[in-house]
Amino acid sequence: MPTRLEESLERDIDRIRQQVLEMSALAERALRDCVEALTEGNRQRAYAVILRDQYIDEKEKEIDRLCLEFLVRQQPVGVHLRLAYSTIKINLELERVGDYAESVARQLLRLSSLPPPAPIRERIVEMANLAIPMLHDAIDAFVSQDPTLAKGVILVEPAVDALLGKLNGDLLEALQRQVIQPEMLEPLVNIGRRFERVADQARNVCMETL
């Protein structure tokens, strides 16, 4: 039968894990809303991503506070100490993902009067459809401490890098053929880089899990 101290420790850990899941859900929603804003040309959705970034920032502070309180109150050792330390690092990774989503939304607003051609949109969506599930699975791997899932996520990351290279090539070709305007190039390049960075953050979470 677990002692009162063990029960208290497990309650604190469960609370921290739940907050990480909630923050991850906020970040995922922001990224998916960016994809919909791109495909639908929806300025309001892009604005909503920017406004909601404050909730991700607030959640980051809350998780940091919970982890510090856990360290002070429980004085954990071994696996529990490593879990608290890893959570603080992963919390920062998720906050950065929120920043990437906000950045994508701002770039989309710059493009609103000049929608990118369908092949460019499709390439970006292809990247997002790899990067966003990577993030979801990376957090699941961390919360459940599943090394097999973490290793699987890491294997996907090179595919996102390859798509970024293809996107850059597509953009240069489109620019040369005058399919896109020169002022569209920077925002589109930045959007591609942000989704590639989401995949990098997912890999980092998995490395921390391992």
Protein backbone atom coordinates (compact mmCIF):
# COMPACT_ATOMS: atom_id res chain seq x y z
CA MET A 1 0.00 0.00 0.00
CA PRO A 2 1.50 3.40 -0.98
CA THR A 3 2.42 5.76 1.80
CA ARG A 4 0.88 9.21 2.15
CA LEU A 5 4.13 10.71 0.85
CA GLU A 6 4.06 8.49 -2.24
CA GLU A 7 0.44 9.36 -2.91
CA SER A 8 1.22 13.08 -2.62
CA LEU A 9 4.16 12.71 -4.99
CA GLU A 10 2.08 10.87 -7.59
CA ARG A 11 -0.68 13.49 -7.37
CA ASP A 12 1.84 16.25 -8.06
CA ILE A 13 3.32 14.34 -11.00
CA ASP A 14 -0.13 13.69 -12.49
CA ARG A 15 -0.98 17.39 -12.15
CA ILE A 16 2.22 18.38 -13.96
CA ARG A 17 1.61 15.85 -16.75
CA GLN A 18 -1.95 17.09 -17.21
CA GLN A 19 -0.75 20.67 -17.57
CA VAL A 20 1.82 19.61 -20.17
CA LEU A 21 -0.93 17.87 -22.15
CA GLU A 22 -3.10 20.99 -21.96
CA MET A 23 -0.27 23.22 -23.14
CA SER A 24 0.51 20.82 -25.98
CA ALA A 25 -3.15 20.90 -27.04
CA LEU A 26 -3.06 24.71 -27.15
CA ALA A 27 0.07 24.66 -29.31
CA GLU A 28 -1.38 22.02 -31.65
CA ARG A 29 -4.59 23.98 -32.04
CA ALA A 30 -2.64 27.11 -32.93
CA LEU A 31 -0.67 25.24 -35.59
CA ARG A 32 -3.77 23.62 -37.08
CA ASP A 33 -5.53 26.98 -37.15
CA CYS A 34 -2.57 28.36 -39.07
CA VAL A 35 -2.97 25.60 -41.65
CA GLU A 36 -6.68 26.40 -42.01
CA ALA A 37 -5.94 30.11 -42.27
CA LEU A 38 -3.51 29.30 -45.10
CA THR A 39 -5.82 26.98 -47.01
CA GLU A 40 -8.95 29.12 -46.53
CA GLY A 41 -7.33 32.56 -46.68
CA ASN A 42 -9.01 33.26 -43.33
CA ARG A 43 -7.57 36.41 -41.75
CA GLN A 44 -9.75 36.09 -38.63
CA ARG A 45 -8.31 32.68 -37.84
CA ALA A 46 -4.80 34.05 -38.16
CA TYR A 47 -5.66 36.93 -35.83
CA ALA A 48 -7.11 34.42 -33.34
CA VAL A 49 -3.82 32.48 -33.27
CA ILE A 50 -1.93 35.67 -32.43
CA LEU A 51 -4.36 36.65 -29.66
CA ARG A 52 -4.39 33.17 -28.10
CA ASP A 53 -0.60 33.01 -27.83
CA GLN A 54 -0.92 34.68 -24.42
CA TYR A 55 -2.67 31.55 -23.10
CA ILE A 56 0.33 29.43 -24.07
CA ASP A 57 2.65 31.90 -22.34
CA GLU A 58 0.49 31.78 -19.20
CA LYS A 59 0.46 27.99 -19.25
CA GLU A 60 4.27 27.95 -19.50
CA LYS A 61 4.51 30.04 -16.33
CA GLU A 62 2.03 27.79 -14.55
CA ILE A 63 3.95 24.63 -15.42
CA ASP A 64 7.25 26.19 -14.32
CA ARG A 65 5.60 27.15 -11.02
CA LEU A 66 4.25 23.62 -10.49
CA CYS A 67 7.66 22.09 -11.21
CA LEU A 68 9.47 24.43 -8.83
CA GLU A 69 6.89 23.82 -6.10
CA PHE A 70 7.28 20.08 -6.71
CA LEU A 71 11.05 20.30 -6.32
CA VAL A 72 10.81 22.32 -3.11
CA ARG A 73 7.97 20.40 -1.48
CA GLN A 74 8.79 16.83 -2.49
CA GLN A 75 12.59 17.10 -2.81
CA PRO A 76 12.49 14.29 -5.37
CA VAL A 77 15.42 12.05 -6.30
CA GLY A 78 16.13 9.66 -9.14
CA VAL A 79 13.48 9.31 -11.81
CA HIS A 80 11.16 11.89 -10.24
CA LEU A 81 13.90 14.50 -10.17
CA ARG A 82 14.72 13.79 -13.82
CA LEU A 83 11.03 14.06 -14.70
CA ALA A 84 10.74 17.51 -13.14
CA TYR A 85 13.92 18.69 -14.84
CA SER A 86 12.80 17.32 -18.22
CA THR A 87 9.36 18.90 -17.85
CA ILE A 88 10.91 22.34 -17.37
CA LYS A 89 12.91 21.87 -20.60
CA ILE A 90 9.95 20.49 -22.56
CA ASN A 91 7.78 23.31 -21.27
CA LEU A 92 10.18 25.74 -22.97
CA GLU A 93 10.04 23.73 -26.21
CA LEU A 94 6.23 23.99 -26.22
CA GLU A 95 6.34 27.71 -25.57
CA ARG A 96 8.60 28.07 -28.60
CA VAL A 97 6.11 26.09 -30.68
CA GLY A 98 3.46 28.61 -29.65
CA ASP A 99 5.78 31.38 -30.80
CA TYR A 100 6.25 29.62 -34.15
CA ALA A 101 2.48 29.41 -34.61
CA GLU A 102 2.13 33.11 -33.84
CA SER A 103 4.90 33.88 -36.33
CA VAL A 104 3.20 31.80 -39.03
CA ALA A 105 -0.05 33.66 -38.40
CA ARG A 106 1.69 37.02 -38.78
CA GLN A 107 3.31 35.89 -42.04
CA LEU A 108 -0.10 34.76 -43.31
CA LEU A 109 -1.50 38.22 -42.65
CA ARG A 110 1.25 39.62 -44.83
CA LEU A 111 0.08 37.28 -47.61
CA SER A 112 -3.65 37.85 -47.25
CA SER A 113 -3.93 40.07 -50.31
CA LEU A 114 -1.58 37.81 -52.32
CA PRO A 115 -2.64 34.18 -51.73
CA PRO A 116 0.11 31.70 -52.69
CA PRO A 117 -0.59 29.34 -55.60
CA ALA A 118 -2.07 25.92 -54.84
CA PRO A 119 1.18 23.89 -55.27
CA ILE A 120 2.97 26.08 -52.71
CA ARG A 121 0.07 25.82 -50.26
CA GLU A 122 -0.01 22.05 -50.70
CA ARG A 123 3.72 21.75 -49.98
CA ILE A 124 3.37 23.76 -46.76
CA VAL A 125 0.33 21.70 -45.71
CA GLU A 126 2.34 18.54 -46.40
CA MET A 127 5.04 19.79 -44.01
CA ALA A 128 2.48 20.72 -41.38
CA ASN A 129 0.79 17.32 -41.66
CA LEU A 130 4.07 15.71 -40.64
CA ALA A 131 5.25 18.25 -38.06
CA ILE A 132 2.02 18.61 -36.07
CA PRO A 133 1.49 14.85 -35.47
CA MET A 134 5.18 14.64 -34.57
CA LEU A 135 4.58 17.17 -31.81
CA HIS A 136 1.47 15.33 -30.60
CA ASP A 137 3.24 11.96 -30.50
CA ALA A 138 6.35 13.47 -28.88
CA ILE A 139 4.31 14.79 -25.95
CA ASP A 140 2.45 11.48 -25.67
CA ALA A 141 5.80 9.69 -25.58
CA PHE A 142 7.01 11.98 -22.80
CA VAL A 143 3.87 11.74 -20.68
CA SER A 144 3.64 7.95 -21.03
CA GLN A 145 7.44 7.51 -20.95
CA ASP A 146 7.29 5.47 -24.15
CA PRO A 147 10.76 5.16 -25.71
CA THR A 148 9.50 3.24 -28.76
CA LEU A 149 7.10 6.04 -29.68
CA ALA A 150 9.82 8.64 -29.10
CA LYS A 151 12.22 6.82 -31.43
CA GLY A 152 9.50 6.59 -34.08
CA VAL A 153 8.92 10.34 -33.97
CA ILE A 154 12.63 11.06 -34.36
CA LEU A 155 12.69 8.97 -37.56
CA VAL A 156 10.10 11.27 -39.18
CA GLU A 157 12.11 14.48 -38.72
CA PRO A 158 14.37 14.09 -41.81
CA ALA A 159 11.26 13.93 -44.01
CA VAL A 160 10.24 17.39 -42.81
CA ASP A 161 13.72 18.71 -43.57
CA ALA A 162 13.46 17.26 -47.08
CA LEU A 163 10.09 18.94 -47.63
CA LEU A 164 11.55 22.28 -46.58
CA GLY A 165 14.21 21.85 -49.26
CA LYS A 166 11.52 21.06 -51.82
CA LEU A 167 9.47 24.07 -50.73
CA ASN A 168 12.44 26.38 -51.16
CA GLY A 169 13.03 24.95 -54.62
CA ASP A 170 9.36 25.38 -55.50
CA LEU A 171 9.46 28.99 -54.34
CA LEU A 172 12.51 29.86 -56.42
CA GLU A 173 10.97 28.25 -59.49
CA ALA A 174 7.67 30.07 -58.91
CA LEU A 175 9.54 33.35 -58.53
CA GLN A 176 11.48 32.80 -61.76
CA ARG A 177 8.25 31.97 -63.61
CA GLN A 178 6.60 35.03 -62.01
CA VAL A 179 3.90 32.82 -60.46
CA ILE A 180 4.48 34.60 -57.13
CA GLN A 181 5.40 38.20 -56.44
CA PRO A 182 8.85 38.96 -54.97
CA GLU A 183 7.26 40.29 -51.75
CA MET A 184 5.64 36.89 -51.17
CA LEU A 185 8.96 35.06 -51.01
CA GLU A 186 10.08 36.05 -47.49
CA PRO A 187 6.76 35.27 -45.72
CA LEU A 188 6.48 31.89 -47.46
CA VAL A 189 10.09 30.96 -46.66
CA ASN A 190 9.51 31.95 -43.03
CA ILE A 191 6.34 29.83 -42.81
CA GLY A 192 8.21 26.79 -44.11
CA ARG A 193 11.04 27.33 -41.64
CA ARG A 194 8.62 27.62 -38.72
CA PHE A 195 6.99 24.27 -39.47
CA GLU A 196 10.44 22.74 -39.85
CA ARG A 197 11.30 24.13 -36.41
CA VAL A 198 8.16 22.54 -34.96
CA ALA A 199 9.52 19.18 -36.12
CA ASP A 200 12.87 20.05 -34.52
CA GLN A 201 11.16 20.83 -31.21
CA ALA A 202 9.26 17.52 -31.39
CA ARG A 203 12.57 15.72 -31.90
CA ASN A 204 14.04 17.59 -28.92
CA VAL A 205 11.13 16.47 -26.72
CA CYS A 206 11.73 12.88 -27.80
CA MET A 207 15.45 13.11 -27.10
CA GLU A 208 14.63 14.42 -23.62
CA THR A 209 12.20 11.55 -23.13
CA LEU A 210 14.85 9.01 -24.10
